[in-house]
Amino acid sequence: MLTIHLFLTDLEPVDAVRQKERELIEWNKKEDQFWFYKTFHNPDSQEYMIDFLCGESKDNLMTLVEFTIYRYKQIFITVNQKALLIFAYSKRSYDEEITSFFETFEDDRLSLLNLMILSEVPDVTITNK
């Protein structure tokens, strides 16, 4: 799943990433259902990325696993209106598909991270209609 989230805010990408890190840490404390996250920073563009792996289980059996990448970028909607754009990719597997998900996960993760890094972030505009 590929998505674009747009937040009309002055929040800097670094602060949004730190907020997501805190959320993942808290979620792990409560649910014990996420395995890792890693944050990346591009100093040339002031963009950030975070990727993480999480899942759900029932009766000690995994029922869902999800790998997600968020790419954070600050944009301007107008000269005076900042926004935070999050370009996101998620891949999920359920039940009996989880084993094959993990068999290729490391290679898939690196390929997907490279694709997100090299992808052109879509231009976003807001129009009043």
N, C-alpha and C. Protein backbone atom coordinates (compact mmCIF):
# COMPACT_ATOMS: atom_id res chain seq x y z
N MET A 1 0.85 -1.17 0.00
CA MET A 1 0.00 0.00 0.00
C MET A 1 0.90 1.23 0.00
N LEU A 2 0.61 2.14 -0.89
CA LEU A 2 1.34 3.39 -0.99
C LEU A 2 0.38 4.51 -0.65
N THR A 3 0.78 5.39 0.27
CA THR A 3 -0.12 6.47 0.69
C THR A 3 0.65 7.78 0.82
N ILE A 4 -0.12 8.87 0.78
CA ILE A 4 0.42 10.20 1.04
C ILE A 4 -0.44 10.83 2.12
N HIS A 5 0.21 11.29 3.18
CA HIS A 5 -0.47 12.00 4.26
C HIS A 5 0.00 13.44 4.22
N LEU A 6 -0.93 14.37 4.39
CA LEU A 6 -0.58 15.78 4.39
C LEU A 6 -1.15 16.43 5.64
N PHE A 7 -0.28 17.08 6.41
CA PHE A 7 -0.68 17.75 7.63
C PHE A 7 -0.32 19.23 7.52
N LEU A 8 -1.30 20.08 7.66
CA LEU A 8 -1.05 21.52 7.64
C LEU A 8 -0.52 21.90 9.02
N THR A 9 0.80 22.01 9.11
CA THR A 9 1.45 22.23 10.39
C THR A 9 2.84 22.83 10.16
N ASP A 10 3.34 23.49 11.19
CA ASP A 10 4.71 23.99 11.17
C ASP A 10 5.69 22.95 11.72
N LEU A 11 5.19 21.80 12.11
CA LEU A 11 6.03 20.75 12.69
C LEU A 11 7.14 20.37 11.71
N GLU A 12 8.36 20.40 12.18
CA GLU A 12 9.51 20.05 11.36
C GLU A 12 9.58 18.52 11.19
N PRO A 13 10.11 18.04 10.07
CA PRO A 13 10.22 16.60 9.87
C PRO A 13 10.96 15.88 11.00
N VAL A 14 12.04 16.47 11.51
CA VAL A 14 12.78 15.83 12.60
C VAL A 14 11.89 15.64 13.83
N ASP A 15 11.03 16.61 14.12
CA ASP A 15 10.14 16.50 15.28
C ASP A 15 9.05 15.46 15.04
N ALA A 16 8.59 15.35 13.81
CA ALA A 16 7.58 14.34 13.47
C ALA A 16 8.18 12.93 13.60
N VAL A 17 9.42 12.78 13.18
CA VAL A 17 10.10 11.48 13.30
C VAL A 17 10.28 11.12 14.77
N ARG A 18 10.71 12.06 15.57
CA ARG A 18 10.90 11.80 17.01
C ARG A 18 9.56 11.42 17.67
N GLN A 19 8.50 12.08 17.25
CA GLN A 19 7.17 11.76 17.76
C GLN A 19 6.79 10.32 17.39
N LYS A 20 7.08 9.90 16.16
CA LYS A 20 6.79 8.53 15.74
C LYS A 20 7.64 7.53 16.52
N GLU A 21 8.90 7.86 16.77
CA GLU A 21 9.75 6.98 17.56
C GLU A 21 9.16 6.78 18.96
N ARG A 22 8.73 7.86 19.59
CA ARG A 22 8.13 7.75 20.93
C ARG A 22 6.86 6.89 20.88
N GLU A 23 6.06 7.09 19.84
CA GLU A 23 4.83 6.30 19.68
C GLU A 23 5.15 4.80 19.55
N LEU A 24 6.16 4.46 18.76
CA LEU A 24 6.54 3.06 18.59
C LEU A 24 7.07 2.46 19.89
N ILE A 25 7.86 3.22 20.61
CA ILE A 25 8.40 2.73 21.89
C ILE A 25 7.26 2.48 22.87
N GLU A 26 6.32 3.42 22.97
CA GLU A 26 5.17 3.24 23.86
C GLU A 26 4.29 2.07 23.44
N TRP A 27 4.09 1.95 22.15
CA TRP A 27 3.27 0.85 21.63
C TRP A 27 3.92 -0.49 21.97
N ASN A 28 5.24 -0.56 21.84
CA ASN A 28 5.95 -1.79 22.16
C ASN A 28 5.82 -2.14 23.64
N LYS A 29 5.87 -1.13 24.50
CA LYS A 29 5.72 -1.38 25.94
C LYS A 29 4.35 -1.95 26.27
N LYS A 30 3.32 -1.44 25.60
CA LYS A 30 1.95 -1.87 25.89
C LYS A 30 1.59 -3.17 25.20
N GLU A 31 1.98 -3.30 23.95
CA GLU A 31 1.51 -4.41 23.13
C GLU A 31 2.54 -5.51 22.91
N ASP A 32 3.83 -5.16 23.05
CA ASP A 32 4.91 -6.10 22.78
C ASP A 32 4.74 -6.76 21.41
N GLN A 33 4.39 -5.93 20.43
CA GLN A 33 4.13 -6.48 19.10
C GLN A 33 4.86 -5.73 18.00
N PHE A 34 5.95 -5.07 18.34
CA PHE A 34 6.74 -4.47 17.28
C PHE A 34 8.19 -4.84 17.54
N TRP A 35 8.93 -5.04 16.46
CA TRP A 35 10.27 -5.59 16.62
C TRP A 35 11.37 -4.57 16.49
N PHE A 36 11.28 -3.65 15.57
CA PHE A 36 12.37 -2.68 15.43
C PHE A 36 11.89 -1.46 14.67
N TYR A 37 12.69 -0.41 14.78
CA TYR A 37 12.55 0.73 13.88
C TYR A 37 13.95 1.27 13.62
N LYS A 38 14.10 1.95 12.50
CA LYS A 38 15.36 2.59 12.16
C LYS A 38 15.04 3.92 11.49
N THR A 39 15.78 4.95 11.88
CA THR A 39 15.57 6.29 11.35
C THR A 39 16.75 6.68 10.46
N PHE A 40 16.43 7.35 9.36
CA PHE A 40 17.44 7.83 8.41
C PHE A 40 17.24 9.32 8.19
N HIS A 41 18.34 10.03 7.95
CA HIS A 41 18.28 11.47 7.72
C HIS A 41 19.09 11.81 6.47
N ASN A 42 18.50 12.61 5.58
CA ASN A 42 19.21 13.12 4.41
C ASN A 42 19.53 14.58 4.69
N PRO A 43 20.77 14.89 5.06
CA PRO A 43 21.11 16.26 5.43
C PRO A 43 21.02 17.25 4.26
N ASP A 44 21.11 16.74 3.03
CA ASP A 44 21.02 17.63 1.86
C ASP A 44 19.62 18.18 1.66
N SER A 45 18.61 17.38 1.98
CA SER A 45 17.23 17.82 1.72
C SER A 45 16.43 18.04 3.00
N GLN A 46 17.00 17.74 4.14
CA GLN A 46 16.30 17.82 5.42
C GLN A 46 15.10 16.87 5.46
N GLU A 47 15.14 15.82 4.67
CA GLU A 47 14.12 14.78 4.73
C GLU A 47 14.56 13.70 5.71
N TYR A 48 13.56 13.01 6.25
CA TYR A 48 13.80 11.91 7.17
C TYR A 48 12.97 10.72 6.72
N MET A 49 13.47 9.54 7.06
CA MET A 49 12.70 8.32 6.85
C MET A 49 12.78 7.49 8.12
N ILE A 50 11.72 6.75 8.36
CA ILE A 50 11.72 5.78 9.44
C ILE A 50 11.07 4.52 8.89
N ASP A 51 11.66 3.39 9.19
CA ASP A 51 11.02 2.13 8.81
C ASP A 51 10.86 1.30 10.07
N PHE A 52 9.79 0.51 10.09
CA PHE A 52 9.54 -0.30 11.27
C PHE A 52 8.77 -1.56 10.90
N LEU A 53 8.91 -2.55 11.76
CA LEU A 53 8.25 -3.83 11.59
C LEU A 53 7.40 -4.08 12.83
N CYS A 54 6.16 -4.42 12.61
CA CYS A 54 5.27 -4.70 13.73
C CYS A 54 4.34 -5.85 13.37
N GLY A 55 3.59 -6.32 14.33
CA GLY A 55 2.70 -7.43 14.07
C GLY A 55 1.69 -7.62 15.19
N GLU A 56 0.84 -8.59 14.97
CA GLU A 56 -0.16 -8.97 15.96
C GLU A 56 -0.18 -10.48 16.10
N SER A 57 -0.58 -10.93 17.27
CA SER A 57 -0.69 -12.37 17.48
C SER A 57 -1.93 -12.67 18.32
N LYS A 58 -2.36 -13.90 18.23
CA LYS A 58 -3.50 -14.37 19.02
C LYS A 58 -3.20 -15.81 19.42
N ASP A 59 -3.34 -16.10 20.70
CA ASP A 59 -3.05 -17.43 21.23
C ASP A 59 -1.64 -17.89 20.85
N ASN A 60 -0.67 -17.00 20.99
CA ASN A 60 0.74 -17.25 20.70
C ASN A 60 1.04 -17.59 19.24
N LEU A 61 0.14 -17.26 18.33
CA LEU A 61 0.38 -17.43 16.90
C LEU A 61 0.29 -16.08 16.22
N MET A 62 1.27 -15.79 15.37
CA MET A 62 1.23 -14.53 14.64
C MET A 62 0.08 -14.55 13.63
N THR A 63 -0.67 -13.47 13.63
CA THR A 63 -1.79 -13.36 12.70
C THR A 63 -1.57 -12.26 11.66
N LEU A 64 -0.64 -11.34 11.95
CA LEU A 64 -0.38 -10.22 11.06
C LEU A 64 1.05 -9.73 11.27
N VAL A 65 1.73 -9.41 10.18
CA VAL A 65 3.01 -8.74 10.24
C VAL A 65 2.98 -7.62 9.21
N GLU A 66 3.55 -6.46 9.59
CA GLU A 66 3.53 -5.31 8.69
C GLU A 66 4.88 -4.60 8.73
N PHE A 67 5.37 -4.31 7.53
CA PHE A 67 6.58 -3.51 7.38
C PHE A 67 6.15 -2.17 6.79
N THR A 68 6.61 -1.08 7.39
CA THR A 68 6.19 0.26 6.97
C THR A 68 7.41 1.17 6.84
N ILE A 69 7.37 2.02 5.82
CA ILE A 69 8.38 3.07 5.63
C ILE A 69 7.64 4.39 5.53
N TYR A 70 8.06 5.37 6.34
CA TYR A 70 7.54 6.74 6.25
C TYR A 70 8.68 7.64 5.79
N ARG A 71 8.41 8.44 4.79
CA ARG A 71 9.37 9.45 4.33
C ARG A 71 8.76 10.82 4.59
N TYR A 72 9.43 11.60 5.43
CA TYR A 72 8.91 12.89 5.90
C TYR A 72 9.57 14.03 5.13
N LYS A 73 8.75 14.96 4.67
CA LYS A 73 9.27 16.12 3.95
C LYS A 73 8.41 17.34 4.27
N GLN A 74 9.07 18.45 4.56
CA GLN A 74 8.32 19.69 4.76
C GLN A 74 8.12 20.37 3.41
N ILE A 75 6.90 20.81 3.16
CA ILE A 75 6.59 21.51 1.92
C ILE A 75 5.85 22.81 2.26
N PHE A 76 5.70 23.64 1.26
CA PHE A 76 4.93 24.87 1.41
C PHE A 76 3.70 24.78 0.52
N ILE A 77 2.54 24.95 1.13
CA ILE A 77 1.28 24.97 0.38
C ILE A 77 1.10 26.34 -0.27
N THR A 78 1.42 27.37 0.50
CA THR A 78 1.48 28.74 0.00
C THR A 78 2.78 29.33 0.54
N VAL A 79 3.05 30.55 0.22
CA VAL A 79 4.29 31.19 0.68
C VAL A 79 4.38 31.15 2.20
N ASN A 80 3.26 31.31 2.90
CA ASN A 80 3.26 31.39 4.36
C ASN A 80 2.73 30.13 5.05
N GLN A 81 2.31 29.12 4.29
CA GLN A 81 1.68 27.93 4.88
C GLN A 81 2.55 26.70 4.69
N LYS A 82 3.19 26.26 5.79
CA LYS A 82 3.98 25.04 5.76
C LYS A 82 3.06 23.83 5.93
N ALA A 83 3.55 22.71 5.46
CA ALA A 83 2.85 21.44 5.65
C ALA A 83 3.88 20.33 5.79
N LEU A 84 3.46 19.26 6.41
CA LEU A 84 4.30 18.08 6.54
C LEU A 84 3.70 17.01 5.64
N LEU A 85 4.51 16.54 4.70
CA LEU A 85 4.08 15.49 3.80
C LEU A 85 4.75 14.19 4.23
N ILE A 86 3.97 13.14 4.35
CA ILE A 86 4.52 11.82 4.65
C ILE A 86 4.15 10.90 3.51
N PHE A 87 5.17 10.46 2.80
CA PHE A 87 5.06 9.52 1.70
C PHE A 87 5.31 8.16 2.33
N ALA A 88 4.34 7.25 2.27
CA ALA A 88 4.42 6.02 3.05
C ALA A 88 4.19 4.77 2.20
N TYR A 89 4.88 3.71 2.61
CA TYR A 89 4.70 2.40 1.99
C TYR A 89 4.50 1.39 3.10
N SER A 90 3.52 0.49 2.93
CA SER A 90 3.29 -0.59 3.90
C SER A 90 3.08 -1.90 3.15
N LYS A 91 3.63 -2.95 3.73
CA LYS A 91 3.45 -4.29 3.19
C LYS A 91 3.01 -5.19 4.34
N ARG A 92 1.89 -5.89 4.14
CA ARG A 92 1.36 -6.76 5.19
C ARG A 92 1.27 -8.20 4.71
N SER A 93 1.35 -9.10 5.68
CA SER A 93 1.07 -10.51 5.44
C SER A 93 0.25 -11.03 6.61
N TYR A 94 -0.60 -12.00 6.31
CA TYR A 94 -1.50 -12.56 7.31
C TYR A 94 -1.30 -14.08 7.43
N ASP A 95 -1.49 -14.57 8.65
CA ASP A 95 -1.58 -15.99 8.97
C ASP A 95 -0.51 -16.83 8.28
N GLU A 96 -0.91 -17.75 7.41
CA GLU A 96 0.05 -18.69 6.81
C GLU A 96 1.02 -18.02 5.83
N GLU A 97 0.78 -16.79 5.41
CA GLU A 97 1.69 -16.08 4.52
C GLU A 97 2.87 -15.45 5.27
N ILE A 98 2.81 -15.43 6.59
CA ILE A 98 3.83 -14.74 7.40
C ILE A 98 5.20 -15.40 7.27
N THR A 99 5.25 -16.72 7.19
CA THR A 99 6.53 -17.41 7.07
C THR A 99 7.26 -16.97 5.80
N SER A 100 6.58 -16.92 4.68
CA SER A 100 7.23 -16.51 3.43
C SER A 100 7.61 -15.02 3.48
N PHE A 101 6.84 -14.22 4.20
CA PHE A 101 7.18 -12.80 4.39
C PHE A 101 8.56 -12.69 5.03
N PHE A 102 8.80 -13.46 6.10
CA PHE A 102 10.06 -13.38 6.81
C PHE A 102 11.22 -14.02 6.04
N GLU A 103 10.93 -14.98 5.18
CA GLU A 103 11.99 -15.62 4.41
C GLU A 103 12.69 -14.64 3.46
N THR A 104 11.97 -13.66 2.98
CA THR A 104 12.54 -12.69 2.03
C THR A 104 12.65 -11.29 2.63
N PHE A 105 12.37 -11.15 3.91
CA PHE A 105 12.24 -9.83 4.50
C PHE A 105 13.49 -8.97 4.37
N GLU A 106 14.66 -9.47 4.71
CA GLU A 106 15.88 -8.62 4.69
C GLU A 106 16.15 -8.07 3.29
N ASP A 107 16.08 -8.93 2.29
CA ASP A 107 16.30 -8.45 0.91
C ASP A 107 15.20 -7.49 0.49
N ASP A 108 13.96 -7.83 0.79
CA ASP A 108 12.83 -6.96 0.45
C ASP A 108 12.97 -5.60 1.14
N ARG A 109 13.37 -5.61 2.39
CA ARG A 109 13.50 -4.36 3.15
C ARG A 109 14.51 -3.43 2.48
N LEU A 110 15.67 -3.95 2.15
CA LEU A 110 16.70 -3.12 1.51
C LEU A 110 16.24 -2.60 0.16
N SER A 111 15.59 -3.42 -0.62
CA SER A 111 15.08 -2.99 -1.93
C SER A 111 14.03 -1.90 -1.78
N LEU A 112 13.12 -2.08 -0.85
CA LEU A 112 12.05 -1.11 -0.64
C LEU A 112 12.59 0.21 -0.10
N LEU A 113 13.56 0.15 0.80
CA LEU A 113 14.18 1.38 1.30
C LEU A 113 14.85 2.14 0.16
N ASN A 114 15.57 1.44 -0.69
CA ASN A 114 16.21 2.10 -1.83
C ASN A 114 15.18 2.69 -2.77
N LEU A 115 14.10 1.99 -3.02
CA LEU A 115 13.04 2.53 -3.88
C LEU A 115 12.44 3.80 -3.29
N MET A 116 12.22 3.81 -2.00
CA MET A 116 11.65 5.00 -1.36
C MET A 116 12.64 6.17 -1.41
N ILE A 117 13.91 5.88 -1.23
CA ILE A 117 14.92 6.93 -1.28
C ILE A 117 14.99 7.54 -2.68
N LEU A 118 14.93 6.70 -3.68
CA LEU A 118 15.07 7.16 -5.06
C LEU A 118 13.78 7.69 -5.68
N SER A 119 12.66 7.43 -5.05
CA SER A 119 11.37 7.87 -5.60
C SER A 119 11.21 9.38 -5.50
N GLU A 120 10.61 9.93 -6.51
CA GLU A 120 10.25 11.34 -6.50
C GLU A 120 9.03 11.51 -5.59
N VAL A 121 9.12 12.38 -4.64
CA VAL A 121 7.97 12.63 -3.77
C VAL A 121 6.94 13.41 -4.59
N PRO A 122 5.72 12.93 -4.64
CA PRO A 122 4.70 13.61 -5.45
C PRO A 122 4.46 15.04 -4.98
N ASP A 123 4.20 15.92 -5.95
CA ASP A 123 3.81 17.29 -5.62
C ASP A 123 2.37 17.28 -5.12
N VAL A 124 2.12 18.08 -4.10
CA VAL A 124 0.78 18.15 -3.52
C VAL A 124 0.33 19.61 -3.51
N THR A 125 -0.89 19.84 -3.94
CA THR A 125 -1.49 21.18 -3.88
C THR A 125 -2.87 21.05 -3.28
N ILE A 126 -3.32 22.13 -2.69
CA ILE A 126 -4.67 22.19 -2.13
C ILE A 126 -5.43 23.26 -2.90
N THR A 127 -6.60 22.90 -3.35
CA THR A 127 -7.43 23.87 -4.07
C THR A 127 -8.75 24.00 -3.33
N ASN A 128 -9.30 25.18 -3.37
CA ASN A 128 -10.62 25.42 -2.77
C ASN A 128 -11.67 25.25 -3.86
N LYS A 129 -12.61 24.38 -3.62
CA LYS A 129 -13.68 24.15 -4.59
C LYS A 129 -15.02 24.31 -3.96
